[in-house]
């Protein structure tokens, strides 16, 4: 399962919301998910530290995107 975006308002951060969200996904396994995947800005050290503390692992792959025309 690819988590495309996760945004927590600045005033609500550091309260365990993201951690609870990922715990919910792991417990409920929507769509019979076998893994959780996400992208993180390489300069966002706080987010990377959070995700790794939850159990996400860095992968040696790059994500490529091909945007389709909207017309």
N, C-alpha and C. Protein backbone atom coordinates (compact mmCIF):
# COMPACT_ATOMS: atom_id res chain seq x y z
N UNK A 1 0.85 -1.15 0.00
CA UNK A 1 0.00 0.00 0.00
C UNK A 1 0.90 1.21 0.00
N UNK A 2 0.67 2.10 -0.97
CA UNK A 2 1.49 3.30 -1.08
C UNK A 2 0.76 4.44 -0.40
N UNK A 3 1.37 5.00 0.63
CA UNK A 3 0.83 6.17 1.31
C UNK A 3 1.37 7.38 0.56
N UNK A 4 0.49 8.04 -0.18
CA UNK A 4 0.91 9.11 -1.06
C UNK A 4 1.23 10.39 -0.30
N UNK A 5 0.41 10.78 0.62
CA UNK A 5 0.65 12.01 1.36
C UNK A 5 0.21 11.82 2.81
N UNK A 6 0.98 12.36 3.71
CA UNK A 6 0.61 12.40 5.12
C UNK A 6 0.98 13.78 5.61
N UNK A 7 -0.02 14.53 6.03
CA UNK A 7 0.24 15.87 6.53
C UNK A 7 -0.46 16.05 7.86
N UNK A 8 0.30 16.45 8.84
CA UNK A 8 -0.24 16.77 10.16
C UNK A 8 0.01 18.25 10.39
N UNK A 9 -1.04 18.96 10.76
CA UNK A 9 -0.90 20.39 11.02
C UNK A 9 0.22 20.64 12.02
N UNK A 10 0.98 21.70 11.81
CA UNK A 10 2.11 21.97 12.71
C UNK A 10 1.72 21.98 14.19
N UNK A 11 0.57 22.55 14.50
CA UNK A 11 0.17 22.64 15.91
C UNK A 11 -0.24 21.29 16.49
N UNK A 12 -0.42 20.28 15.64
CA UNK A 12 -0.83 18.95 16.12
C UNK A 12 0.32 17.94 16.06
N UNK A 13 1.48 18.37 15.65
CA UNK A 13 2.61 17.44 15.51
C UNK A 13 3.18 17.03 16.86
N UNK A 14 3.93 15.94 16.84
CA UNK A 14 4.58 15.38 18.02
C UNK A 14 3.59 14.92 19.08
N UNK A 15 2.43 14.47 18.62
CA UNK A 15 1.41 13.94 19.53
C UNK A 15 1.08 12.48 19.21
N UNK A 16 1.85 11.88 18.30
CA UNK A 16 1.65 10.47 18.00
C UNK A 16 0.62 10.18 16.91
N UNK A 17 0.15 11.20 16.22
CA UNK A 17 -0.89 11.01 15.20
C UNK A 17 -0.39 10.12 14.07
N UNK A 18 0.78 10.42 13.53
CA UNK A 18 1.33 9.62 12.42
C UNK A 18 1.59 8.19 12.89
N UNK A 19 2.14 8.05 14.07
CA UNK A 19 2.44 6.72 14.61
C UNK A 19 1.15 5.91 14.76
N UNK A 20 0.08 6.54 15.26
CA UNK A 20 -1.21 5.86 15.40
C UNK A 20 -1.80 5.51 14.03
N UNK A 21 -1.63 6.40 13.06
CA UNK A 21 -2.14 6.14 11.72
C UNK A 21 -1.49 4.89 11.13
N UNK A 22 -0.17 4.79 11.23
CA UNK A 22 0.52 3.63 10.68
C UNK A 22 0.23 2.37 11.48
N UNK A 23 0.02 2.49 12.77
CA UNK A 23 -0.38 1.33 13.58
C UNK A 23 -1.75 0.84 13.13
N UNK A 24 -2.66 1.77 12.84
CA UNK A 24 -3.98 1.41 12.34
C UNK A 24 -3.87 0.67 11.01
N UNK A 25 -3.06 1.19 10.10
CA UNK A 25 -2.88 0.53 8.80
C UNK A 25 -2.29 -0.86 8.96
N UNK A 26 -1.31 -0.99 9.84
CA UNK A 26 -0.68 -2.30 10.05
C UNK A 26 -1.67 -3.30 10.64
N UNK A 27 -2.53 -2.83 11.54
CA UNK A 27 -3.48 -3.72 12.19
C UNK A 27 -4.65 -4.08 11.27
N UNK A 28 -5.13 -3.11 10.49
CA UNK A 28 -6.32 -3.34 9.67
C UNK A 28 -6.00 -3.88 8.28
N UNK A 29 -4.76 -3.66 7.82
CA UNK A 29 -4.30 -4.12 6.51
C UNK A 29 -5.34 -3.93 5.41
N UNK A 30 -5.71 -2.67 5.14
CA UNK A 30 -6.71 -2.43 4.09
C UNK A 30 -6.24 -2.99 2.75
N UNK A 31 -7.19 -3.48 1.98
CA UNK A 31 -6.91 -4.07 0.67
C UNK A 31 -5.97 -5.27 0.78
N UNK A 32 -5.91 -5.88 1.96
CA UNK A 32 -5.00 -7.01 2.22
C UNK A 32 -3.54 -6.64 1.92
N UNK A 33 -3.18 -5.45 2.28
CA UNK A 33 -1.84 -4.94 2.02
C UNK A 33 -0.78 -5.85 2.62
N UNK A 34 0.29 -6.03 1.89
CA UNK A 34 1.43 -6.83 2.34
C UNK A 34 2.56 -5.97 2.86
N UNK A 35 2.55 -4.69 2.48
CA UNK A 35 3.61 -3.77 2.91
C UNK A 35 3.08 -2.35 2.82
N UNK A 36 3.71 -1.46 3.56
CA UNK A 36 3.42 -0.04 3.45
C UNK A 36 4.62 0.63 2.82
N UNK A 37 4.38 1.54 1.91
CA UNK A 37 5.44 2.24 1.19
C UNK A 37 5.11 3.72 1.23
N UNK A 38 6.14 4.54 1.36
CA UNK A 38 5.94 5.98 1.29
C UNK A 38 7.19 6.64 0.75
N UNK A 39 7.03 7.87 0.36
CA UNK A 39 8.17 8.69 -0.06
C UNK A 39 8.35 9.78 0.98
N UNK A 40 9.57 10.23 1.12
CA UNK A 40 9.85 11.33 2.05
C UNK A 40 10.90 12.22 1.40
N UNK A 41 10.72 13.50 1.58
CA UNK A 41 11.69 14.48 1.07
C UNK A 41 13.05 14.16 1.70
N UNK A 42 14.08 14.02 0.89
CA UNK A 42 15.39 13.64 1.45
C UNK A 42 15.95 14.66 2.45
N UNK A 43 15.42 15.88 2.45
CA UNK A 43 15.90 16.89 3.39
C UNK A 43 15.08 16.93 4.68
N UNK A 44 14.01 16.14 4.76
CA UNK A 44 13.14 16.15 5.93
C UNK A 44 13.62 15.12 6.94
N UNK A 45 14.63 15.49 7.70
CA UNK A 45 15.25 14.57 8.66
C UNK A 45 14.28 14.15 9.76
N UNK A 46 13.43 15.07 10.19
CA UNK A 46 12.46 14.74 11.25
C UNK A 46 11.53 13.62 10.79
N UNK A 47 11.00 13.75 9.58
CA UNK A 47 10.09 12.72 9.05
C UNK A 47 10.83 11.40 8.85
N UNK A 48 12.03 11.45 8.31
CA UNK A 48 12.79 10.21 8.10
C UNK A 48 13.05 9.50 9.42
N UNK A 49 13.39 10.27 10.45
CA UNK A 49 13.62 9.68 11.77
C UNK A 49 12.35 9.03 12.31
N UNK A 50 11.22 9.72 12.14
CA UNK A 50 9.94 9.17 12.59
C UNK A 50 9.64 7.86 11.86
N UNK A 51 9.69 7.88 10.53
CA UNK A 51 9.34 6.69 9.76
C UNK A 51 10.25 5.51 10.09
N UNK A 52 11.54 5.76 10.24
CA UNK A 52 12.46 4.68 10.57
C UNK A 52 12.19 4.15 11.98
N UNK A 53 11.77 5.02 12.91
CA UNK A 53 11.46 4.56 14.27
C UNK A 53 10.21 3.68 14.28
N UNK A 54 9.32 3.88 13.31
CA UNK A 54 8.12 3.05 13.19
C UNK A 54 8.48 1.69 12.61
N UNK A 55 9.54 1.64 11.79
CA UNK A 55 9.95 0.38 11.19
C UNK A 55 10.15 0.43 9.69
N UNK A 56 9.91 1.60 9.09
CA UNK A 56 10.18 1.74 7.66
C UNK A 56 11.68 1.63 7.43
N UNK A 57 12.06 1.01 6.32
CA UNK A 57 13.46 0.83 5.98
C UNK A 57 13.77 1.58 4.69
N UNK A 58 14.95 2.15 4.65
CA UNK A 58 15.39 2.80 3.41
C UNK A 58 15.66 1.74 2.36
N UNK A 59 15.28 2.04 1.15
CA UNK A 59 15.47 1.10 0.04
C UNK A 59 16.48 1.70 -0.94
N UNK A 60 17.20 0.85 -1.67
CA UNK A 60 18.20 1.36 -2.60
C UNK A 60 17.63 1.75 -3.97
N UNK A 61 16.33 1.96 -4.03
CA UNK A 61 15.69 2.26 -5.31
C UNK A 61 15.30 3.73 -5.40
N UNK A 62 15.14 4.20 -6.61
CA UNK A 62 14.63 5.54 -6.86
C UNK A 62 13.20 5.42 -7.38
N UNK A 63 12.38 6.40 -7.06
CA UNK A 63 11.03 6.43 -7.59
C UNK A 63 11.02 7.31 -8.83
N UNK A 64 10.47 6.80 -9.89
CA UNK A 64 10.35 7.55 -11.13
C UNK A 64 8.87 7.83 -11.39
N UNK A 65 8.59 8.97 -11.97
CA UNK A 65 7.21 9.34 -12.26
C UNK A 65 7.10 9.73 -13.72
N UNK A 66 6.07 9.26 -14.36
CA UNK A 66 5.74 9.63 -15.73
C UNK A 66 4.35 10.25 -15.70
N UNK A 67 4.28 11.54 -15.89
CA UNK A 67 3.00 12.23 -15.83
C UNK A 67 2.26 12.10 -17.16
N UNK A 68 1.03 11.68 -17.08
CA UNK A 68 0.19 11.55 -18.27
C UNK A 68 -0.47 12.88 -18.59
N UNK A 69 -0.71 13.11 -19.83
CA UNK A 69 -1.36 14.34 -20.24
C UNK A 69 -2.77 14.38 -19.66
N UNK A 70 -3.21 15.55 -19.26
CA UNK A 70 -4.56 15.71 -18.72
C UNK A 70 -5.56 16.05 -19.81
N UNK A 71 -5.11 16.05 -21.04
CA UNK A 71 -6.01 16.43 -22.15
C UNK A 71 -6.38 15.24 -22.99
